[in-house]
Every structure is written in structure tokens, then in C-alpha cells.
Amino acid sequence: MSARALAVVVAVSALLASAPAAALTLRDMLGRTVTLPLPPARIVSLVPSVTEIVFSLGAEERLVGRTDFCDYPAAVRGKPSVGGMVNPNLETLVALKPDLVVATDEGNREETVRQLERLRIPVYLVHANRIAETVDLITRVGELTGHQADAPRLIGEMQRRIEAVRRAVAPFPRPRVLYVLWPEPLIVPGRSSMLTELIEIAGGTSITGGDGDAYPRFSLEAAVARAPEVIILADHSTGASTAGRASPEKWQRLISVPAIRTGRLHSADLSILHRYGPRVPDGLETLARMIHPEAFP
């Protein structure tokens, strides 16, 4: 081999030795391609459901940041916050030096995603409106965090509890259920909401389950006309705010409604009914006990 050829071989070998490992190419839940140089070791979650999944998988060492709304489990408060879901503080987020930011198309702004991409911070988008999609999300978070082996355990326990509820309510009639996500304007779960699926599994029939997409607006008159036999008000108040607090007083005046006549007006904790994560069975069991107390002596 000539001296020149030898020099070329040496130069190429040096380049190969210094080149990074093959890039990791993923597809997020919206079908977007996300390319990473290495599996992510530093993750910021802008999604409370994802934050809960990370902790449930025992992968919290990978989580370096979260939002103010990521409040479960209690240990999450030890992680730095980047602010709210709608307007996270990008300066704080960048300072955490994340390899990956996990965001959602329901709750995070598209502009936030674009800003992060302009800063060359990879963003993995998630979306789950069904139990099956929640199972998929848990599997994906397991893969992102290197905890693939822990996902089947978590999924298996969730599915066991879901099937136990399904069996418990199966012998009973299915009452008409009105779930109120927001009081004014009245916002309810529609055909593509996970709440509609959970109400069905819990042994009820959502009176708004065939309307709109995920969370359509609804009129009080239309709700009364459908004669709900059970009414459940979501309570998502925080701190001193009363904006999202369940207000049973105005409903109790509707004495023509079957649910009011029979005393079947309930309030439910939003945090366990609107997160597509490990606590889905908790929310389902809560619904089932409200719809079919006779099934859970």
C-alpha cells in the first residue's frame, strides 16, 4: 500500500472513530419523525399524564423538568418546574438542557412546539383519547426512558382492575349519565373522549357520548331534556380559585331531572378522571361507584 493510500485509510478511520453513534429515529403519537443522537437521558415533561407514567415505571431519574400541573406523585415536587402547560418558561426549560421534551396536542400550544424546534430541542408529541391509546403511551414512555421491561407490569395491573369493574357492573341496568367537565359554558365529553369510554365501562350510558368530538359545548336545556339519571360534576379547582369548582346548588334546583329527584348528583376529582395514565383505573372505579353503588357493597 502506498504512503498516500495509507494516509487516506488512517484519515477515514479517525473520522469513523469520532463520529457519533447512529441517530435514533422515532415516530411520536402524531406520526411525526423525531431524531435523537442517543436515547434521551434528560427529559422534560409538559404532560401531567406522562409525568405520572415516568414515575410509575421507576424512570424518574430521567425526568429533569415538569409543569406546575404535574403534581402526582408527591415526589414530583422535587423536580424543577418550567411553569404552566400553555405558557411554559422557555428560558427555564432550556437551562435544564433536555435531550427531549414530551408535549401533547391537547393542552400545549403549537407555538411552544415550534419555538422548541427552532431552539433545536426535539419534541415528542403524545395523544390519548382511549384506553388502548393509554396502553400505547405507557409502552412508548417505557421505550423512551429505557424501562421497557416495567411497562407490561403496569399495563397488566391496569387491565386487571378495568376488567374487574366491567364484571362488577355487568348484571345491572345502564342509567343515563351526564358528566359535566366545565359548568359555564357547559362542556361535556363527546364521542371521542376517554370519559365517554370510561362511563360505558362503568356501567352507564353517557347522554352526550354521541355528540361532537372530544369535548363539545352543550346547553343546559338539552341536558335536562335527556333526563339524566346520574349527574357527575368535575371539580378541577386549584388553590383559592373557584372558577372550576363543582357548583351543585344550581343543579339541585332542577327538580324535574331524575338524577336530582333521586339524589344522584355527585362531584368527582378531575385529576384522576382526566389523565390518561396509571390512575385511569382509579377514575374508572370512582365512576363505577357513583353509577352503580349497589355493585360495590
C-alpha atoms as a PDB file:
ATOM      1  CA  MET A   1       0.000   0.000   0.000  1.00  0.00           C
ATOM      2  CA  SER A   2       1.378   3.397  -0.981  1.00  0.00           C
ATOM      3  CA  ALA A   3       2.015   6.075   1.596  1.00  0.00           C
ATOM      4  CA  ARG A   4      -0.815   8.177   0.123  1.00  0.00           C
ATOM      5  CA  ALA A   5      -3.327   5.301   0.299  1.00  0.00           C
ATOM      6  CA  LEU A   6      -2.273   4.554   3.850  1.00  0.00           C
ATOM      7  CA  ALA A   7      -2.833   8.193   4.817  1.00  0.00           C
ATOM      8  CA  VAL A   8      -6.360   8.085   3.370  1.00  0.00           C
ATOM      9  CA  VAL A   9      -7.217   4.908   5.303  1.00  0.00           C
ATOM     10  CA  VAL A  10      -5.906   6.420   8.536  1.00  0.00           C
ATOM     11  CA  ALA A  11      -7.930   9.633   7.987  1.00  0.00           C
ATOM     12  CA  VAL A  12     -11.167   7.738   7.265  1.00  0.00           C
ATOM     13  CA  SER A  13     -10.646   5.502  10.294  1.00  0.00           C
ATOM     14  CA  ALA A  14     -10.189   8.551  12.503  1.00  0.00           C
ATOM     15  CA  LEU A  15     -13.395  10.112  11.193  1.00  0.00           C
ATOM     16  CA  LEU A  16     -15.362   6.921  11.819  1.00  0.00           C
ATOM     17  CA  ALA A  17     -13.970   6.615  15.312  1.00  0.00           C
ATOM     18  CA  SER A  18     -15.015  10.168  16.196  1.00  0.00           C
ATOM     19  CA  ALA A  19     -18.468  10.005  14.540  1.00  0.00           C
ATOM     20  CA  PRO A  20     -21.492   9.724  16.860  1.00  0.00           C
ATOM     21  CA  ALA A  21     -23.479   6.526  17.060  1.00  0.00           C
ATOM     22  CA  ALA A  22     -26.272   6.102  14.546  1.00  0.00           C
ATOM     23  CA  ALA A  23     -29.087   8.514  15.239  1.00  0.00           C
ATOM     24  CA  LEU A  24     -32.188   7.199  16.980  1.00  0.00           C
ATOM     25  CA  THR A  25     -35.236   7.830  14.790  1.00  0.00           C
ATOM     26  CA  LEU A  26     -38.686   7.621  16.406  1.00  0.00           C
ATOM     27  CA  ARG A  27     -42.273   8.327  15.412  1.00  0.00           C
ATOM     28  CA  ASP A  28     -44.383  10.071  18.009  1.00  0.00           C
ATOM     29  CA  MET A  29     -48.123   9.505  18.535  1.00  0.00           C
ATOM     30  CA  LEU A  30     -48.992  12.034  15.841  1.00  0.00           C
ATOM     31  CA  GLY A  31     -46.766  10.282  13.306  1.00  0.00           C
ATOM     32  CA  ARG A  32     -44.044  12.938  13.390  1.00  0.00           C
ATOM     33  CA  THR A  33     -40.443  11.844  12.977  1.00  0.00           C
ATOM     34  CA  VAL A  34     -38.250  12.639  15.990  1.00  0.00           C
ATOM     35  CA  THR A  35     -34.493  12.145  15.605  1.00  0.00           C
ATOM     36  CA  LEU A  36     -32.171  11.901  18.600  1.00  0.00           C
ATOM     37  CA  PRO A  37     -28.407  11.312  18.627  1.00  0.00           C
ATOM     38  CA  LEU A  38     -28.771   8.971  21.623  1.00  0.00           C
ATOM     39  CA  PRO A  39     -31.555   7.618  23.856  1.00  0.00           C
ATOM     40  CA  PRO A  40     -32.727  10.587  25.973  1.00  0.00           C
ATOM     41  CA  ALA A  41     -31.167  10.857  29.423  1.00  0.00           C
ATOM     42  CA  ARG A  42     -32.689  14.257  30.279  1.00  0.00           C
ATOM     43  CA  ILE A  43     -36.446  14.572  29.658  1.00  0.00           C
ATOM     44  CA  VAL A  44     -38.783  17.490  30.364  1.00  0.00           C
ATOM     45  CA  SER A  45     -42.451  16.537  30.540  1.00  0.00           C
ATOM     46  CA  LEU A  46     -45.110  19.125  29.699  1.00  0.00           C
ATOM     47  CA  VAL A  47     -47.833  16.492  30.211  1.00  0.00           C
ATOM     48  CA  PRO A  48     -49.055  15.517  33.710  1.00  0.00           C
ATOM     49  CA  SER A  49     -50.101  12.066  32.463  1.00  0.00           C
ATOM     50  CA  VAL A  50     -46.620  11.396  31.081  1.00  0.00           C
ATOM     51  CA  THR A  51     -45.033  12.602  34.320  1.00  0.00           C
ATOM     52  CA  GLU A  52     -47.141  10.087  36.272  1.00  0.00           C
ATOM     53  CA  ILE A  53     -46.180   7.300  33.864  1.00  0.00           C
ATOM     54  CA  VAL A  54     -42.474   8.111  34.208  1.00  0.00           C
ATOM     55  CA  PHE A  55     -42.698   7.782  37.999  1.00  0.00           C
ATOM     56  CA  SER A  56     -44.845   4.642  37.822  1.00  0.00           C
ATOM     57  CA  LEU A  57     -42.219   2.993  35.630  1.00  0.00           C
ATOM     58  CA  GLY A  58     -39.465   3.904  38.091  1.00  0.00           C
ATOM     59  CA  ALA A  59     -37.809   6.128  35.488  1.00  0.00           C
ATOM     60  CA  GLU A  60     -37.860   9.391  37.430  1.00  0.00           C
ATOM     61  CA  GLU A  61     -34.073   9.698  37.187  1.00  0.00           C
ATOM     62  CA  ARG A  62     -34.600  10.620  33.509  1.00  0.00           C
ATOM     63  CA  LEU A  63     -37.055  13.415  34.341  1.00  0.00           C
ATOM     64  CA  VAL A  64     -35.307  16.773  34.801  1.00  0.00           C
ATOM     65  CA  GLY A  65     -38.318  19.090  34.466  1.00  0.00           C
ATOM     66  CA  ARG A  66     -42.125  19.215  34.645  1.00  0.00           C
ATOM     67  CA  THR A  67     -45.028  21.694  34.679  1.00  0.00           C
ATOM     68  CA  ASP A  68     -46.879  23.200  37.640  1.00  0.00           C
ATOM     69  CA  PHE A  69     -49.755  20.849  36.806  1.00  0.00           C
ATOM     70  CA  CYS A  70     -47.553  17.772  37.209  1.00  0.00           C
ATOM     71  CA  ASP A  71     -48.488  17.265  40.856  1.00  0.00           C
ATOM     72  CA  TYR A  72     -48.602  13.485  41.279  1.00  0.00           C
ATOM     73  CA  PRO A  73     -46.959  11.597  42.880  1.00  0.00           C
ATOM     74  CA  ALA A  74     -45.795  13.873  45.708  1.00  0.00           C
ATOM     75  CA  ALA A  75     -42.148  13.167  44.857  1.00  0.00           C
ATOM     76  CA  VAL A  76     -42.581  15.051  41.577  1.00  0.00           C
ATOM     77  CA  ARG A  77     -42.436  18.310  43.515  1.00  0.00           C
ATOM     78  CA  GLY A  78     -38.727  17.691  43.896  1.00  0.00           C
ATOM     79  CA  LYS A  79     -38.283  18.207  40.160  1.00  0.00           C
ATOM     80  CA  PRO A  80     -37.819  21.737  38.733  1.00  0.00           C
ATOM     81  CA  SER A  81     -40.944  23.299  37.213  1.00  0.00           C
ATOM     82  CA  VAL A  82     -40.950  25.141  33.885  1.00  0.00           C
ATOM     83  CA  GLY A  83     -44.332  26.790  34.630  1.00  0.00           C
ATOM     84  CA  GLY A  84     -47.705  26.150  33.057  1.00  0.00           C
ATOM     85  CA  MET A  85     -48.689  23.867  30.207  1.00  0.00           C
ATOM     86  CA  VAL A  86     -49.947  26.661  27.958  1.00  0.00           C
ATOM     87  CA  ASN A  87     -47.065  29.095  28.507  1.00  0.00           C
ATOM     88  CA  PRO A  88     -44.024  27.292  29.902  1.00  0.00           C
ATOM     89  CA  ASN A  89     -40.962  29.406  30.627  1.00  0.00           C
ATOM     90  CA  LEU A  90     -38.657  28.553  27.725  1.00  0.00           C
ATOM     91  CA  GLU A  91     -35.629  30.136  29.369  1.00  0.00           C
ATOM     92  CA  THR A  92     -36.061  27.863  32.396  1.00  0.00           C
ATOM     93  CA  LEU A  93     -36.694  24.886  30.141  1.00  0.00           C
ATOM     94  CA  VAL A  94     -33.572  25.472  28.028  1.00  0.00           C
ATOM     95  CA  ALA A  95     -31.465  25.870  31.179  1.00  0.00           C
ATOM     96  CA  LEU A  96     -32.393  22.282  32.117  1.00  0.00           C
ATOM     97  CA  LYS A  97     -30.563  21.096  28.964  1.00  0.00           C
ATOM     98  CA  PRO A  98     -33.133  18.463  27.952  1.00  0.00           C
ATOM     99  CA  ASP A  99     -32.400  15.820  25.334  1.00  0.00           C
ATOM    100  CA  LEU A 100     -36.150  15.566  24.733  1.00  0.00           C
ATOM    101  CA  VAL A 101     -39.350  17.431  25.611  1.00  0.00           C
ATOM    102  CA  VAL A 102     -42.593  15.431  25.748  1.00  0.00           C
ATOM    103  CA  ALA A 103     -45.667  17.541  24.881  1.00  0.00           C
ATOM    104  CA  THR A 104     -49.284  16.974  23.880  1.00  0.00           C
ATOM    105  CA  ASP A 105     -51.520  18.359  21.157  1.00  0.00           C
ATOM    106  CA  GLU A 106     -54.222  18.768  23.826  1.00  0.00           C
ATOM    107  CA  GLY A 107     -53.001  21.276  26.390  1.00  0.00           C
ATOM    108  CA  ASN A 108     -49.725  22.565  24.942  1.00  0.00           C
ATOM    109  CA  ARG A 109     -49.662  25.269  22.279  1.00  0.00           C
ATOM    110  CA  GLU A 110     -48.444  24.568  18.765  1.00  0.00           C
ATOM    111  CA  GLU A 111     -46.363  27.739  19.060  1.00  0.00           C
ATOM    112  CA  THR A 112     -44.492  26.250  22.035  1.00  0.00           C
ATOM    113  CA  VAL A 113     -43.597  23.206  19.944  1.00  0.00           C
ATOM    114  CA  ARG A 114     -42.374  25.425  17.092  1.00  0.00           C
ATOM    115  CA  GLN A 115     -40.260  27.527  19.458  1.00  0.00           C
ATOM    116  CA  LEU A 116     -38.625  24.426  20.919  1.00  0.00           C
ATOM    117  CA  GLU A 117     -37.886  23.094  17.449  1.00  0.00           C
ATOM    118  CA  ARG A 118     -36.326  26.437  16.485  1.00  0.00           C
ATOM    119  CA  LEU A 119     -34.098  26.008  19.525  1.00  0.00           C
ATOM    120  CA  ARG A 120     -33.219  22.533  18.198  1.00  0.00           C
ATOM    121  CA  ILE A 121     -34.753  20.765  21.170  1.00  0.00           C
ATOM    122  CA  PRO A 122     -36.511  17.575  19.988  1.00  0.00           C
ATOM    123  CA  VAL A 123     -40.218  17.383  20.872  1.00  0.00           C
ATOM    124  CA  TYR A 124     -42.159  14.117  21.144  1.00  0.00           C
ATOM    125  CA  LEU A 125     -45.935  14.665  20.911  1.00  0.00           C
ATOM    126  CA  VAL A 126     -48.424  12.370  22.628  1.00  0.00           C
ATOM    127  CA  HIS A 127     -52.173  11.942  22.244  1.00  0.00           C
ATOM    128  CA  ALA A 128     -54.526   9.543  24.017  1.00  0.00           C
ATOM    129  CA  ASN A 129     -58.331   9.572  23.994  1.00  0.00           C
ATOM    130  CA  ARG A 130     -58.896   5.860  24.537  1.00  0.00           C
ATOM    131  CA  ILE A 131     -57.706   3.230  26.990  1.00  0.00           C
ATOM    132  CA  ALA A 132     -55.926   1.442  24.143  1.00  0.00           C
ATOM    133  CA  GLU A 133     -54.031   4.652  23.353  1.00  0.00           C
ATOM    134  CA  THR A 134     -53.098   4.982  27.034  1.00  0.00           C
ATOM    135  CA  VAL A 135     -51.621   1.480  26.917  1.00  0.00           C
ATOM    136  CA  ASP A 136     -49.685   2.509  23.800  1.00  0.00           C
ATOM    137  CA  LEU A 137     -48.453   5.646  25.555  1.00  0.00           C
ATOM    138  CA  ILE A 138     -47.177   3.682  28.562  1.00  0.00           C
ATOM    139  CA  THR A 139     -45.286   1.366  26.217  1.00  0.00           C
ATOM    140  CA  ARG A 140     -43.775   4.353  24.400  1.00  0.00           C
ATOM    141  CA  VAL A 141     -42.702   6.099  27.612  1.00  0.00           C
ATOM    142  CA  GLY A 142     -41.117   2.837  28.719  1.00  0.00           C
ATOM    143  CA  GLU A 143     -39.105   2.774  25.498  1.00  0.00           C
ATOM    144  CA  LEU A 144     -38.141   6.457  25.735  1.00  0.00           C
ATOM    145  CA  THR A 145     -36.853   6.024  29.293  1.00  0.00           C
ATOM    146  CA  GLY A 146     -35.190   2.638  28.887  1.00  0.00           C
ATOM    147  CA  HIS A 147     -37.783   0.993  31.146  1.00  0.00           C
ATOM    148  CA  GLN A 148     -39.466  -1.214  28.548  1.00  0.00           C
ATOM    149  CA  ALA A 149     -39.399  -4.178  30.905  1.00  0.00           C
ATOM    150  CA  ASP A 150     -41.508  -2.337  33.507  1.00  0.00           C
ATOM    151  CA  ALA A 151     -44.340  -1.365  31.146  1.00  0.00           C
ATOM    152  CA  PRO A 152     -46.069  -4.795  30.921  1.00  0.00           C
ATOM    153  CA  ARG A 153     -46.374  -4.954  34.725  1.00  0.00           C
ATOM    154  CA  LEU A 154     -48.024  -1.538  34.871  1.00  0.00           C
ATOM    155  CA  ILE A 155     -50.305  -2.244  31.917  1.00  0.00           C
ATOM    156  CA  GLY A 156     -51.280  -5.658  33.265  1.00  0.00           C
ATOM    157  CA  GLU A 157     -52.350  -4.243  36.627  1.00  0.00           C
ATOM    158  CA  MET A 158     -54.397  -1.513  34.915  1.00  0.00           C
ATOM    159  CA  GLN A 159     -56.172  -4.005  32.676  1.00  0.00           C
ATOM    160  CA  ARG A 160     -56.910  -6.341  35.591  1.00  0.00           C
ATOM    161  CA  ARG A 161     -58.639  -3.555  37.509  1.00  0.00           C
ATOM    162  CA  ILE A 162     -60.559  -2.355  34.443  1.00  0.00           C
ATOM    163  CA  GLU A 163     -61.901  -5.842  33.782  1.00  0.00           C
ATOM    164  CA  ALA A 164     -62.865  -6.219  37.449  1.00  0.00           C
ATOM    165  CA  VAL A 165     -65.071  -3.111  37.160  1.00  0.00           C
ATOM    166  CA  ARG A 166     -66.575  -4.347  33.903  1.00  0.00           C
ATOM    167  CA  ARG A 167     -67.559  -7.640  35.553  1.00  0.00           C
ATOM    168  CA  ALA A 168     -68.923  -5.965  38.690  1.00  0.00           C
ATOM    169  CA  VAL A 169     -71.394  -3.716  36.848  1.00  0.00           C
ATOM    170  CA  ALA A 170     -72.394  -6.185  34.124  1.00  0.00           C
ATOM    171  CA  PRO A 171     -75.564  -7.518  35.870  1.00  0.00           C
ATOM    172  CA  PHE A 172     -77.161  -4.093  36.348  1.00  0.00           C
ATOM    173  CA  PRO A 173     -79.202  -1.761  34.064  1.00  0.00           C
ATOM    174  CA  ARG A 174     -77.318   1.120  32.453  1.00  0.00           C
ATOM    175  CA  PRO A 175     -78.512   4.533  33.759  1.00  0.00           C
ATOM    176  CA  ARG A 176     -78.266   7.707  31.676  1.00  0.00           C
ATOM    177  CA  VAL A 177     -75.246   9.714  32.857  1.00  0.00           C
ATOM    178  CA  LEU A 178     -74.423  13.401  32.410  1.00  0.00           C
ATOM    179  CA  TYR A 179     -70.789  14.266  33.076  1.00  0.00           C
ATOM    180  CA  VAL A 180     -70.075  17.996  33.336  1.00  0.00           C
ATOM    181  CA  LEU A 181     -66.488  18.856  32.542  1.00  0.00           C
ATOM    182  CA  TRP A 182     -66.989  22.637  32.844  1.00  0.00           C
ATOM    183  CA  PRO A 183     -70.056  24.485  34.154  1.00  0.00           C
ATOM    184  CA  GLU A 184     -70.187  27.758  32.174  1.00  0.00           C
ATOM    185  CA  PRO A 185     -70.226  27.339  29.260  1.00  0.00           C
ATOM    186  CA  LEU A 186     -71.378  23.771  29.732  1.00  0.00           C
ATOM    187  CA  ILE A 187     -68.688  21.462  28.322  1.00  0.00           C
ATOM    188  CA  VAL A 188     -69.259  17.714  28.234  1.00  0.00           C
ATOM    189  CA  PRO A 189     -67.494  14.580  26.963  1.00  0.00           C
ATOM    190  CA  GLY A 190     -68.327  13.708  23.360  1.00  0.00           C
ATOM    191  CA  ARG A 191     -67.820  10.691  21.181  1.00  0.00           C
ATOM    192  CA  SER A 192     -64.011  10.741  21.127  1.00  0.00           C
ATOM    193  CA  SER A 193     -63.443  11.464  24.829  1.00  0.00           C
ATOM    194  CA  MET A 194     -61.961   8.831  27.096  1.00  0.00           C
ATOM    195  CA  LEU A 195     -64.569   9.840  29.676  1.00  0.00           C
ATOM    196  CA  THR A 196     -67.296   8.514  27.385  1.00  0.00           C
ATOM    197  CA  GLU A 197     -65.474   5.177  27.202  1.00  0.00           C
ATOM    198  CA  LEU A 198     -64.975   5.101  30.985  1.00  0.00           C
ATOM    199  CA  ILE A 199     -68.666   5.835  31.643  1.00  0.00           C
ATOM    200  CA  GLU A 200     -69.620   2.941  29.362  1.00  0.00           C
ATOM    201  CA  ILE A 201     -67.228   0.536  31.107  1.00  0.00           C
ATOM    202  CA  ALA A 202     -68.505   1.767  34.498  1.00  0.00           C
ATOM    203  CA  GLY A 203     -71.990   0.605  33.521  1.00  0.00           C
ATOM    204  CA  GLY A 204     -73.588   3.857  32.391  1.00  0.00           C
ATOM    205  CA  THR A 205     -74.642   5.463  29.116  1.00  0.00           C
ATOM    206  CA  SER A 206     -73.307   8.962  28.523  1.00  0.00           C
ATOM    207  CA  ILE A 207     -76.132  11.187  27.299  1.00  0.00           C
ATOM    208  CA  THR A 208     -73.568  13.279  25.373  1.00  0.00           C
ATOM    209  CA  GLY A 209     -71.461  10.373  24.109  1.00  0.00           C
ATOM    210  CA  GLY A 210     -72.702  10.728  20.546  1.00  0.00           C
ATOM    211  CA  ASP A 211     -72.138  14.475  20.288  1.00  0.00           C
ATOM    212  CA  GLY A 212     -69.271  16.473  18.837  1.00  0.00           C
ATOM    213  CA  ASP A 213     -65.742  15.218  19.024  1.00  0.00           C
ATOM    214  CA  ALA A 214     -63.907  15.188  22.341  1.00  0.00           C
ATOM    215  CA  TYR A 215     -65.437  17.960  24.463  1.00  0.00           C
ATOM    216  CA  PRO A 216     -68.356  19.767  22.797  1.00  0.00           C
ATOM    217  CA  ARG A 217     -70.323  22.617  24.314  1.00  0.00           C
ATOM    218  CA  PHE A 218     -73.821  21.724  25.396  1.00  0.00           C
ATOM    219  CA  SER A 219     -76.884  23.639  26.511  1.00  0.00           C
ATOM    220  CA  LEU A 220     -78.455  23.163  29.914  1.00  0.00           C
ATOM    221  CA  GLU A 221     -81.835  22.791  28.223  1.00  0.00           C
ATOM    222  CA  ALA A 222     -80.575  19.928  26.075  1.00  0.00           C
ATOM    223  CA  ALA A 223     -79.064  18.216  29.121  1.00  0.00           C
ATOM    224  CA  VAL A 224     -82.335  18.461  31.057  1.00  0.00           C
ATOM    225  CA  ALA A 225     -84.300  17.189  28.056  1.00  0.00           C
ATOM    226  CA  ARG A 226     -82.235  13.994  28.005  1.00  0.00           C
ATOM    227  CA  ALA A 227     -83.298  13.248  31.591  1.00  0.00           C
ATOM    228  CA  PRO A 228     -80.001  12.092  33.127  1.00  0.00           C
ATOM    229  CA  GLU A 229     -80.364   9.615  35.968  1.00  0.00           C
ATOM    230  CA  VAL A 230     -76.871  10.333  37.310  1.00  0.00           C
ATOM    231  CA  ILE A 231     -75.055  13.690  37.155  1.00  0.00           C
ATOM    232  CA  ILE A 232     -71.322  13.948  37.856  1.00  0.00           C
ATOM    233  CA  LEU A 233     -69.643  17.352  38.159  1.00  0.00           C
ATOM    234  CA  ALA A 234     -65.888  17.542  37.570  1.00  0.00           C
ATOM    235  CA  ASP A 235     -64.111  19.526  40.273  1.00  0.00           C
ATOM    236  CA  HIS A 236     -60.847  20.956  38.966  1.00  0.00           C
ATOM    237  CA  SER A 237     -60.394  23.880  41.292  1.00  0.00           C
ATOM    238  CA  THR A 238     -56.886  24.699  42.469  1.00  0.00           C
ATOM    239  CA  GLY A 239     -55.813  26.764  45.434  1.00  0.00           C
ATOM    240  CA  ALA A 240     -58.121  29.699  46.113  1.00  0.00           C
ATOM    241  CA  SER A 241     -59.613  29.680  42.621  1.00  0.00           C
ATOM    242  CA  THR A 242     -63.300  28.852  42.347  1.00  0.00           C
ATOM    243  CA  ALA A 243     -63.549  29.004  38.556  1.00  0.00           C
ATOM    244  CA  GLY A 244     -63.605  25.255  38.060  1.00  0.00           C
ATOM    245  CA  ARG A 245     -65.127  24.263  41.369  1.00  0.00           C
ATOM    246  CA  ALA A 246     -68.167  21.994  41.132  1.00  0.00           C
ATOM    247  CA  SER A 247     -71.347  24.012  41.841  1.00  0.00           C
ATOM    248  CA  PRO A 248     -74.124  21.623  42.874  1.00  0.00           C
ATOM    249  CA  GLU A 249     -76.510  24.389  44.007  1.00  0.00           C
ATOM    250  CA  LYS A 250     -77.773  25.367  40.560  1.00  0.00           C
ATOM    251  CA  TRP A 251     -78.272  21.723  39.607  1.00  0.00           C
ATOM    252  CA  GLN A 252     -80.208  20.932  42.763  1.00  0.00           C
ATOM    253  CA  ARG A 253     -82.882  23.407  41.652  1.00  0.00           C
ATOM    254  CA  LEU A 254     -83.655  21.256  38.589  1.00  0.00           C
ATOM    255  CA  ILE A 255     -86.139  19.052  40.410  1.00  0.00           C
ATOM    256  CA  SER A 256     -87.637  17.724  37.168  1.00  0.00           C
ATOM    257  CA  VAL A 257     -84.393  15.892  36.395  1.00  0.00           C
ATOM    258  CA  PRO A 258     -84.409  12.232  37.554  1.00  0.00           C
ATOM    259  CA  ALA A 259     -80.872  12.452  38.974  1.00  0.00           C
ATOM    260  CA  ILE A 260     -81.883  15.344  41.227  1.00  0.00           C
ATOM    261  CA  ARG A 261     -85.119  13.728  42.380  1.00  0.00           C
ATOM    262  CA  THR A 262     -83.262  10.588  43.468  1.00  0.00           C
ATOM    263  CA  GLY A 263     -80.275  12.379  44.997  1.00  0.00           C
ATOM    264  CA  ARG A 264     -77.766  11.142  42.428  1.00  0.00           C
ATOM    265  CA  LEU A 265     -75.730  14.322  41.977  1.00  0.00           C
ATOM    266  CA  HIS A 266     -72.008  13.770  42.535  1.00  0.00           C
ATOM    267  CA  SER A 267     -68.727  15.670  42.400  1.00  0.00           C
ATOM    268  CA  ALA A 268     -65.539  13.989  41.188  1.00  0.00           C
ATOM    269  CA  ASP A 269     -61.847  14.864  41.410  1.00  0.00           C
ATOM    270  CA  LEU A 270     -60.708  15.994  37.977  1.00  0.00           C
ATOM    271  CA  SER A 271     -57.113  14.851  38.470  1.00  0.00           C
ATOM    272  CA  ILE A 272     -57.990  11.146  38.415  1.00  0.00           C
ATOM    273  CA  LEU A 273     -60.583  11.330  35.635  1.00  0.00           C
ATOM    274  CA  HIS A 274     -58.824  13.444  33.017  1.00  0.00           C
ATOM    275  CA  ARG A 275     -55.337  11.963  32.916  1.00  0.00           C
ATOM    276  CA  TYR A 276     -54.507   9.134  30.569  1.00  0.00           C
ATOM    277  CA  GLY A 277     -52.024   7.343  32.755  1.00  0.00           C
ATOM    278  CA  PRO A 278     -51.627   4.766  35.525  1.00  0.00           C
ATOM    279  CA  ARG A 279     -54.556   6.187  37.542  1.00  0.00           C
ATOM    280  CA  VAL A 280     -57.156   5.512  34.826  1.00  0.00           C
ATOM    281  CA  PRO A 281     -58.464   2.560  36.918  1.00  0.00           C
ATOM    282  CA  ASP A 282     -58.810   4.888  39.937  1.00  0.00           C
ATOM    283  CA  GLY A 283     -61.031   7.194  37.899  1.00  0.00           C
ATOM    284  CA  LEU A 284     -62.980   4.277  36.468  1.00  0.00           C
ATOM    285  CA  GLU A 285     -63.631   2.822  39.939  1.00  0.00           C
ATOM    286  CA  THR A 286     -64.788   6.250  41.129  1.00  0.00           C
ATOM    287  CA  LEU A 287     -67.266   6.494  38.264  1.00  0.00           C
ATOM    288  CA  ALA A 288     -68.493   2.938  38.765  1.00  0.00           C
ATOM    289  CA  ARG A 289     -69.221   3.518  42.471  1.00  0.00           C
ATOM    290  CA  MET A 290     -71.224   6.632  41.608  1.00  0.00           C
ATOM    291  CA  ILE A 291     -73.174   4.942  38.799  1.00  0.00           C
ATOM    292  CA  HIS A 292     -73.594   1.525  40.444  1.00  0.00           C
ATOM    293  CA  PRO A 293     -73.116   1.757  44.239  1.00  0.00           C
ATOM    294  CA  GLU A 294     -75.060  -1.500  44.509  1.00  0.00           C
ATOM    295  CA  ALA A 295     -72.184  -3.296  42.738  1.00  0.00           C
ATOM    296  CA  PHE A 296     -69.661  -2.293  45.417  1.00  0.00           C
ATOM    297  CA  PRO A 297     -71.050  -3.136  48.864  1.00  0.00           C
END
